[in-house]
PDB file of N, CA and C in Angstrom:
ATOM      1  N   MET A   1     -10.514  11.003   6.446  1.00  0.00           N
ATOM      2  CA  MET A   1     -10.179  10.951   5.324  1.00  0.00           C
ATOM      3  C   MET A   1     -10.451   9.418   4.539  1.00  0.00           C
ATOM      4  N   ARG A   2     -10.499   9.831   3.371  1.00  0.00           N
ATOM      5  CA  ARG A   2     -11.062   8.293   2.580  1.00  0.00           C
ATOM      6  C   ARG A   2      -9.941   7.577   2.218  1.00  0.00           C
ATOM      7  N   TYR A   3      -9.836   6.337   2.125  1.00  0.00           N
ATOM      8  CA  TYR A   3      -8.852   5.379   1.396  1.00  0.00           C
ATOM      9  C   TYR A   3      -8.305   6.093  -0.038  1.00  0.00           C
ATOM     10  N   MET A   4      -9.271   6.873  -1.151  1.00  0.00           N
ATOM     11  CA  MET A   4      -8.227   6.690  -2.160  1.00  0.00           C
ATOM     12  C   MET A   4      -7.890   7.779  -1.968  1.00  0.00           C
ATOM     13  N   ASP A   5      -7.976   9.229  -1.085  1.00  0.00           N
ATOM     14  CA  ASP A   5      -6.998  10.282  -0.931  1.00  0.00           C
ATOM     15  C   ASP A   5      -6.093   9.902  -0.044  1.00  0.00           C
ATOM     16  N   ILE A   6      -5.807   9.154   0.688  1.00  0.00           N
ATOM     17  CA  ILE A   6      -4.586   8.497   1.442  1.00  0.00           C
ATOM     18  C   ILE A   6      -3.558   8.125   0.389  1.00  0.00           C
ATOM     19  N   LEU A   7      -4.381   7.141  -1.209  1.00  0.00           N
ATOM     20  CA  LEU A   7      -3.424   6.218  -1.630  1.00  0.00           C
ATOM     21  C   LEU A   7      -3.152   7.613  -3.127  1.00  0.00           C
ATOM     22  N   SER A   8      -3.616   8.447  -3.162  1.00  0.00           N
ATOM     23  CA  SER A   8      -3.421   9.618  -4.088  1.00  0.00           C
ATOM     24  C   SER A   8      -2.263  10.618  -3.384  1.00  0.00           C
ATOM     25  N   ARG A   9      -2.261  10.187  -2.157  1.00  0.00           N
ATOM     26  CA  ARG A   9      -0.801  11.167  -2.003  1.00  0.00           C
ATOM     27  C   ARG A   9       0.332  10.409  -1.742  1.00  0.00           C
ATOM     28  N   ALA A  10       0.350   8.918  -1.813  1.00  0.00           N
ATOM     29  CA  ALA A  10       1.680   8.520  -1.263  1.00  0.00           C
ATOM     30  C   ALA A  10       2.465   8.178  -2.649  1.00  0.00           C
ATOM     31  N   ARG A  11       3.226   8.412  -1.967  1.00  0.00           N
ATOM     32  CA  ARG A  11       4.481   7.650  -2.928  1.00  0.00           C
ATOM     33  C   ARG A  11       4.651   6.457  -2.991  1.00  0.00           C
ATOM     34  N   ILE A  12       4.782   5.854  -4.493  1.00  0.00           N
ATOM     35  CA  ILE A  12       4.611   4.265  -4.712  1.00  0.00           C
ATOM     36  C   ILE A  12       5.844   3.194  -5.751  1.00  0.00           C
ATOM     37  N   LEU A  13       6.302   2.450  -5.216  1.00  0.00           N
ATOM     38  CA  LEU A  13       7.106   2.000  -5.881  1.00  0.00           C
ATOM     39  C   LEU A  13       6.702   0.587  -6.394  1.00  0.00           C
ATOM     40  N   ILE A  14       7.151   0.495  -8.137  1.00  0.00           N
ATOM     41  CA  ILE A  14       7.043  -0.796  -8.292  1.00  0.00           C
ATOM     42  C   ILE A  14       7.718  -1.496  -9.132  1.00  0.00           C
ATOM     43  N   ALA A  15       8.253  -2.468  -8.603  1.00  0.00           N
ATOM     44  CA  ALA A  15       9.347  -3.581  -8.533  1.00  0.00           C
ATOM     45  C   ALA A  15       8.632  -4.593  -9.444  1.00  0.00           C
ATOM     46  N   ASP A  16       9.148  -4.678 -10.570  1.00  0.00           N
ATOM     47  CA  ASP A  16       8.416  -5.807 -11.852  1.00  0.00           C
ATOM     48  C   ASP A  16      10.200  -6.117 -12.834  1.00  0.00           C
ATOM     49  N   ASP A  17       9.826  -7.054 -12.714  1.00  0.00           N
ATOM     50  CA  ASP A  17      10.918  -7.158 -14.515  1.00  0.00           C
ATOM     51  C   ASP A  17      10.309  -7.345 -15.374  1.00  0.00           C
ATOM     52  N   SER A  18       8.651  -7.646 -15.629  1.00  0.00           N
ATOM     53  CA  SER A  18       8.282  -7.568 -16.593  1.00  0.00           C
ATOM     54  C   SER A  18       7.708  -5.877 -17.280  1.00  0.00           C
ATOM     55  N   PRO A  19       8.427  -5.409 -18.206  1.00  0.00           N
ATOM     56  CA  PRO A  19       7.790  -4.209 -18.411  1.00  0.00           C
ATOM     57  C   PRO A  19       5.905  -3.787 -18.995  1.00  0.00           C
ATOM     58  N   VAL A  20       5.808  -5.029 -19.145  1.00  0.00           N
ATOM     59  CA  VAL A  20       4.070  -5.621 -19.568  1.00  0.00           C
ATOM     60  C   VAL A  20       3.465  -4.721 -18.635  1.00  0.00           C
ATOM     61  N   MET A  21       3.910  -5.682 -17.507  1.00  0.00           N
ATOM     62  CA  MET A  21       3.281  -5.918 -15.755  1.00  0.00           C
ATOM     63  C   MET A  21       3.580  -3.790 -15.289  1.00  0.00           C
ATOM     64  N   ARG A  22       4.898  -3.645 -15.135  1.00  0.00           N
ATOM     65  CA  ARG A  22       5.039  -2.275 -14.834  1.00  0.00           C
ATOM     66  C   ARG A  22       4.345  -1.029 -15.011  1.00  0.00           C
ATOM     67  N   ARG A  23       3.992  -1.574 -16.823  1.00  0.00           N
ATOM     68  CA  ARG A  23       2.656  -0.425 -17.219  1.00  0.00           C
ATOM     69  C   ARG A  23       1.675  -0.347 -17.169  1.00  0.00           C
ATOM     70  N   TYR A  24       0.824  -2.028 -16.929  1.00  0.00           N
ATOM     71  CA  TYR A  24      -0.584  -2.423 -16.124  1.00  0.00           C
ATOM     72  C   TYR A  24      -0.633  -1.547 -14.156  1.00  0.00           C
ATOM     73  N   LEU A  25       0.753  -2.071 -13.828  1.00  0.00           N
ATOM     74  CA  LEU A  25       0.378  -1.316 -12.561  1.00  0.00           C
ATOM     75  C   LEU A  25       0.294   0.244 -12.811  1.00  0.00           C
ATOM     76  N   ARG A  26       1.293   0.743 -13.203  1.00  0.00           N
ATOM     77  CA  ARG A  26       0.901   2.128 -13.403  1.00  0.00           C
ATOM     78  C   ARG A  26      -0.209   2.565 -13.687  1.00  0.00           C
ATOM     79  N   ALA A  27      -0.383   2.272 -14.954  1.00  0.00           N
ATOM     80  CA  ALA A  27      -2.078   2.270 -15.453  1.00  0.00           C
ATOM     81  C   ALA A  27      -3.409   2.421 -14.802  1.00  0.00           C
ATOM     82  N   LEU A  28      -2.817   1.607 -14.028  1.00  0.00           N
ATOM     83  CA  LEU A  28      -3.876   0.948 -12.797  1.00  0.00           C
ATOM     84  C   LEU A  28      -4.268   1.915 -11.740  1.00  0.00           C
ATOM     85  N   LEU A  29      -2.494   2.686 -11.480  1.00  0.00           N
ATOM     86  CA  LEU A  29      -2.804   2.980 -10.335  1.00  0.00           C
ATOM     87  C   LEU A  29      -3.243   4.587 -10.702  1.00  0.00           C
ATOM     88  N   GLN A  30      -2.693   4.970 -11.948  1.00  0.00           N
ATOM     89  CA  GLN A  30      -3.125   6.422 -11.883  1.00  0.00           C
ATOM     90  C   GLN A  30      -4.344   6.473 -12.339  1.00  0.00           C
ATOM     91  N   ALA A  31      -5.592   5.291 -12.635  1.00  0.00           N
ATOM     92  CA  ALA A  31      -6.035   5.580 -12.841  1.00  0.00           C
ATOM     93  C   ALA A  31      -7.061   5.503 -11.402  1.00  0.00           C
ATOM     94  N   ASN A  32      -6.529   5.271 -10.523  1.00  0.00           N
ATOM     95  CA  ASN A  32      -7.133   5.572  -9.053  1.00  0.00           C
ATOM     96  C   ASN A  32      -7.074   6.630  -8.219  1.00  0.00           C
ATOM     97  N   GLY A  33      -5.892   7.633  -9.727  1.00  0.00           N
ATOM     98  CA  GLY A  33      -5.561   8.756  -8.458  1.00  0.00           C
ATOM     99  C   GLY A  33      -4.064   9.075  -8.108  1.00  0.00           C
ATOM    100  N   CYS A  34      -3.215   7.936  -8.184  1.00  0.00           N
ATOM    101  CA  CYS A  34      -2.113   7.951  -7.948  1.00  0.00           C
ATOM    102  C   CYS A  34      -0.920   8.544  -9.241  1.00  0.00           C
ATOM    103  N   ASN A  35       0.003   9.525  -8.533  1.00  0.00           N
ATOM    104  CA  ASN A  35       0.468   9.790  -9.405  1.00  0.00           C
ATOM    105  C   ASN A  35       1.883  10.473  -9.344  1.00  0.00           C
ATOM    106  N   ASP A  36       2.255   9.660  -7.750  1.00  0.00           N
ATOM    107  CA  ASP A  36       3.859   9.824  -7.994  1.00  0.00           C
ATOM    108  C   ASP A  36       4.454   8.140  -7.689  1.00  0.00           C
ATOM    109  N   LEU A  37       4.545   8.478  -8.767  1.00  0.00           N
ATOM    110  CA  LEU A  37       5.333   6.519  -8.845  1.00  0.00           C
ATOM    111  C   LEU A  37       6.232   6.576  -9.630  1.00  0.00           C
ATOM    112  N   VAL A  38       7.365   5.119  -9.354  1.00  0.00           N
ATOM    113  CA  VAL A  38       8.568   5.292  -9.700  1.00  0.00           C
ATOM    114  C   VAL A  38       8.285   3.888 -10.185  1.00  0.00           C
ATOM    115  N   GLU A  39       9.634   3.170 -11.297  1.00  0.00           N
ATOM    116  CA  GLU A  39       9.510   2.095 -11.462  1.00  0.00           C
ATOM    117  C   GLU A  39      11.008   1.321 -11.485  1.00  0.00           C
ATOM    118  N   ALA A  40      11.144   0.104 -10.944  1.00  0.00           N
ATOM    119  CA  ALA A  40      12.154  -0.993 -10.852  1.00  0.00           C
ATOM    120  C   ALA A  40      12.311  -2.124 -11.778  1.00  0.00           C
ATOM    121  N   CYS A  41      13.294  -2.394 -12.180  1.00  0.00           N
ATOM    122  CA  CYS A  41      13.398  -3.512 -13.020  1.00  0.00           C
ATOM    123  C   CYS A  41      13.602  -4.785 -12.147  1.00  0.00           C
ATOM    124  N   ASP A  42      14.319  -4.541 -10.756  1.00  0.00           N
ATOM    125  CA  ASP A  42      14.675  -5.891 -10.356  1.00  0.00           C
ATOM    126  C   ASP A  42      15.125  -5.373  -8.873  1.00  0.00           C
ATOM    127  N   GLY A  43      15.212  -6.474  -7.947  1.00  0.00           N
ATOM    128  CA  GLY A  43      15.523  -5.897  -6.686  1.00  0.00           C
ATOM    129  C   GLY A  43      16.461  -4.673  -6.026  1.00  0.00           C
ATOM    130  N   ARG A  44      17.773  -4.752  -6.591  1.00  0.00           N
ATOM    131  CA  ARG A  44      18.696  -4.039  -6.669  1.00  0.00           C
ATOM    132  C   ARG A  44      18.431  -2.291  -6.990  1.00  0.00           C
ATOM    133  N   GLN A  45      17.782  -2.629  -8.228  1.00  0.00           N
ATOM    134  CA  GLN A  45      17.466  -1.392  -8.489  1.00  0.00           C
ATOM    135  C   GLN A  45      16.015  -0.155  -7.649  1.00  0.00           C
ATOM    136  N   ALA A  46      15.546  -1.975  -7.108  1.00  0.00           N
ATOM    137  CA  ALA A  46      13.720  -0.992  -5.882  1.00  0.00           C
ATOM    138  C   ALA A  46      14.624  -0.381  -4.675  1.00  0.00           C
ATOM    139  N   LEU A  47      15.594  -1.316  -3.990  1.00  0.00           N
ATOM    140  CA  LEU A  47      16.565  -1.126  -3.240  1.00  0.00           C
ATOM    141  C   LEU A  47      17.292   0.672  -3.422  1.00  0.00           C
ATOM    142  N   GLU A  48      17.755   0.420  -4.273  1.00  0.00           N
ATOM    143  CA  GLU A  48      18.156   2.302  -4.446  1.00  0.00           C
ATOM    144  C   GLU A  48      17.254   3.504  -4.175  1.00  0.00           C
ATOM    145  N   HIS A  49      16.258   3.181  -5.344  1.00  0.00           N
ATOM    146  CA  HIS A  49      14.868   3.540  -5.374  1.00  0.00           C
ATOM    147  C   HIS A  49      14.362   4.518  -3.816  1.00  0.00           C
ATOM    148  N   VAL A  50      14.110   3.449  -3.195  1.00  0.00           N
ATOM    149  CA  VAL A  50      14.097   2.866  -1.277  1.00  0.00           C
ATOM    150  C   VAL A  50      14.596   4.550  -0.515  1.00  0.00           C
ATOM    151  N   MET A  51      15.604   4.011  -0.966  1.00  0.00           N
ATOM    152  CA  MET A  51      16.505   4.971  -0.144  1.00  0.00           C
ATOM    153  C   MET A  51      17.015   6.270  -1.303  1.00  0.00           C
ATOM    154  N   LEU A  52      16.691   6.633  -1.983  1.00  0.00           N
ATOM    155  CA  LEU A  52      16.480   7.953  -2.886  1.00  0.00           C
ATOM    156  C   LEU A  52      15.099   8.357  -2.641  1.00  0.00           C
ATOM    157  N   ARG A  53      14.052   7.665  -2.522  1.00  0.00           N
ATOM    158  CA  ARG A  53      13.271   8.398  -2.286  1.00  0.00           C
ATOM    159  C   ARG A  53      11.860   7.802  -1.705  1.00  0.00           C
ATOM    160  N   HIS A  54      12.200   7.398  -0.717  1.00  0.00           N
ATOM    161  CA  HIS A  54      11.429   6.931   0.811  1.00  0.00           C
ATOM    162  C   HIS A  54      10.316   6.590  -0.082  1.00  0.00           C
ATOM    163  N   PRO A  55       9.661   4.885  -0.115  1.00  0.00           N
ATOM    164  CA  PRO A  55       8.536   5.170  -0.930  1.00  0.00           C
ATOM    165  C   PRO A  55       7.590   4.795   0.707  1.00  0.00           C
ATOM    166  N   ASP A  56       6.268   5.053   0.323  1.00  0.00           N
ATOM    167  CA  ASP A  56       5.103   4.609   0.887  1.00  0.00           C
ATOM    168  C   ASP A  56       4.374   3.510   0.866  1.00  0.00           C
ATOM    169  N   ILE A  57       4.658   3.007  -0.373  1.00  0.00           N
ATOM    170  CA  ILE A  57       3.858   1.788  -0.775  1.00  0.00           C
ATOM    171  C   ILE A  57       5.023   1.101  -1.852  1.00  0.00           C
ATOM    172  N   VAL A  58       5.191  -0.397  -1.699  1.00  0.00           N
ATOM    173  CA  VAL A  58       5.991  -0.938  -2.219  1.00  0.00           C
ATOM    174  C   VAL A  58       5.009  -1.921  -3.326  1.00  0.00           C
ATOM    175  N   VAL A  59       4.992  -2.043  -4.415  1.00  0.00           N
ATOM    176  CA  VAL A  59       4.464  -2.867  -5.433  1.00  0.00           C
ATOM    177  C   VAL A  59       5.403  -3.806  -5.588  1.00  0.00           C
ATOM    178  N   LEU A  60       5.524  -5.437  -5.341  1.00  0.00           N
ATOM    179  CA  LEU A  60       6.526  -5.982  -5.409  1.00  0.00           C
ATOM    180  C   LEU A  60       6.780  -7.517  -6.168  1.00  0.00           C
ATOM    181  N   ASP A  61       7.428  -7.777  -7.243  1.00  0.00           N
ATOM    182  CA  ASP A  61       7.048  -8.977  -8.137  1.00  0.00           C
ATOM    183  C   ASP A  61       8.060  -9.614  -7.173  1.00  0.00           C
ATOM    184  N   LEU A  62       8.010 -10.899  -6.406  1.00  0.00           N
ATOM    185  CA  LEU A  62       8.708 -12.490  -6.040  1.00  0.00           C
ATOM    186  C   LEU A  62      10.179 -12.751  -6.933  1.00  0.00           C
ATOM    187  N   HIS A  63       9.523 -12.674  -8.006  1.00  0.00           N
ATOM    188  CA  HIS A  63      10.218 -13.601  -8.975  1.00  0.00           C
ATOM    189  C   HIS A  63      11.193 -12.583 -10.207  1.00  0.00           C
ATOM    190  N   MET A  64      12.607 -11.714  -9.373  1.00  0.00           N
ATOM    191  CA  MET A  64      12.647 -11.438 -10.811  1.00  0.00           C
ATOM    192  C   MET A  64      14.405 -11.402 -10.360  1.00  0.00           C
ATOM    193  N   PRO A  65      14.945 -11.421 -11.573  1.00  0.00           N
ATOM    194  CA  PRO A  65      16.325 -11.396 -11.886  1.00  0.00           C
ATOM    195  C   PRO A  65      17.276 -10.978 -10.915  1.00  0.00           C
ATOM    196  N   GLU A  66      18.914 -10.658 -10.775  1.00  0.00           N
ATOM    197  CA  GLU A  66      19.327 -10.246  -9.751  1.00  0.00           C
ATOM    198  C   GLU A  66      19.348 -10.049  -8.229  1.00  0.00           C
ATOM    199  N   MET A  67      18.315  -9.889  -8.135  1.00  0.00           N
ATOM    200  CA  MET A  67      17.282  -9.934  -6.635  1.00  0.00           C
ATOM    201  C   MET A  67      16.417 -10.124  -6.529  1.00  0.00           C
ATOM    202  N   ASP A  68      15.950 -10.947  -6.001  1.00  0.00           N
ATOM    203  CA  ASP A  68      14.397 -11.355  -5.941  1.00  0.00           C
ATOM    204  C   ASP A  68      13.525 -10.630  -4.836  1.00  0.00           C
ATOM    205  N   GLY A  69      12.243 -10.538  -5.058  1.00  0.00           N
ATOM    206  CA  GLY A  69      11.516 -10.002  -3.882  1.00  0.00           C
ATOM    207  C   GLY A  69      11.178 -10.323  -2.736  1.00  0.00           C
ATOM    208  N   PHE A  70      11.819 -11.886  -1.968  1.00  0.00           N
ATOM    209  CA  PHE A  70      12.157 -12.185  -1.103  1.00  0.00           C
ATOM    210  C   PHE A  70      13.986 -11.321  -0.683  1.00  0.00           C
ATOM    211  N   ALA A  71      15.126 -11.462  -0.900  1.00  0.00           N
ATOM    212  CA  ALA A  71      15.752 -10.967  -0.906  1.00  0.00           C
ATOM    213  C   ALA A  71      16.373  -9.323  -0.390  1.00  0.00           C
ATOM    214  N   PHE A  72      14.855  -9.078  -1.468  1.00  0.00           N
ATOM    215  CA  PHE A  72      14.535  -7.430  -1.335  1.00  0.00           C
ATOM    216  C   PHE A  72      14.236  -6.986   0.157  1.00  0.00           C
ATOM    217  N   CYS A  73      13.210  -8.306   0.375  1.00  0.00           N
ATOM    218  CA  CYS A  73      12.517  -7.733   2.260  1.00  0.00           C
ATOM    219  C   CYS A  73      13.942  -7.535   2.484  1.00  0.00           C
ATOM    220  N   ARG A  74      14.736  -8.585   2.839  1.00  0.00           N
ATOM    221  CA  ARG A  74      15.357  -9.113   3.239  1.00  0.00           C
ATOM    222  C   ARG A  74      16.474  -8.134   3.492  1.00  0.00           C
ATOM    223  N   GLU A  75      16.772  -7.596   2.915  1.00  0.00           N
ATOM    224  CA  GLU A  75      17.752  -6.535   2.594  1.00  0.00           C
ATOM    225  C   GLU A  75      16.986  -5.212   3.109  1.00  0.00           C
ATOM    226  N   LEU A  76      16.152  -5.008   3.503  1.00  0.00           N
ATOM    227  CA  LEU A  76      15.445  -3.588   3.362  1.00  0.00           C
ATOM    228  C   LEU A  76      15.086  -3.946   4.952  1.00  0.00           C
ATOM    229  N   ARG A  77      14.257  -4.979   5.369  1.00  0.00           N
ATOM    230  CA  ARG A  77      14.783  -5.347   6.771  1.00  0.00           C
ATOM    231  C   ARG A  77      15.839  -4.533   7.347  1.00  0.00           C
TER     232      ARG A  77
END
């Protein structure tokens, strides 16, 4: 199975406090066949999405308000 076939079926969570970066990442992923995307603006919102949607991949900014990417990873474990 090709890499892009696998990626196109993945549920992807984009967690970044920058709306510009979230739009850029969404456009980049969609241009490569990814359509099951959800966005979060901080680590707490990202954790809520993880519990609800169980994403296969998380694209995570390390420096966010409320809960940064490091704290998100600790909570996720």
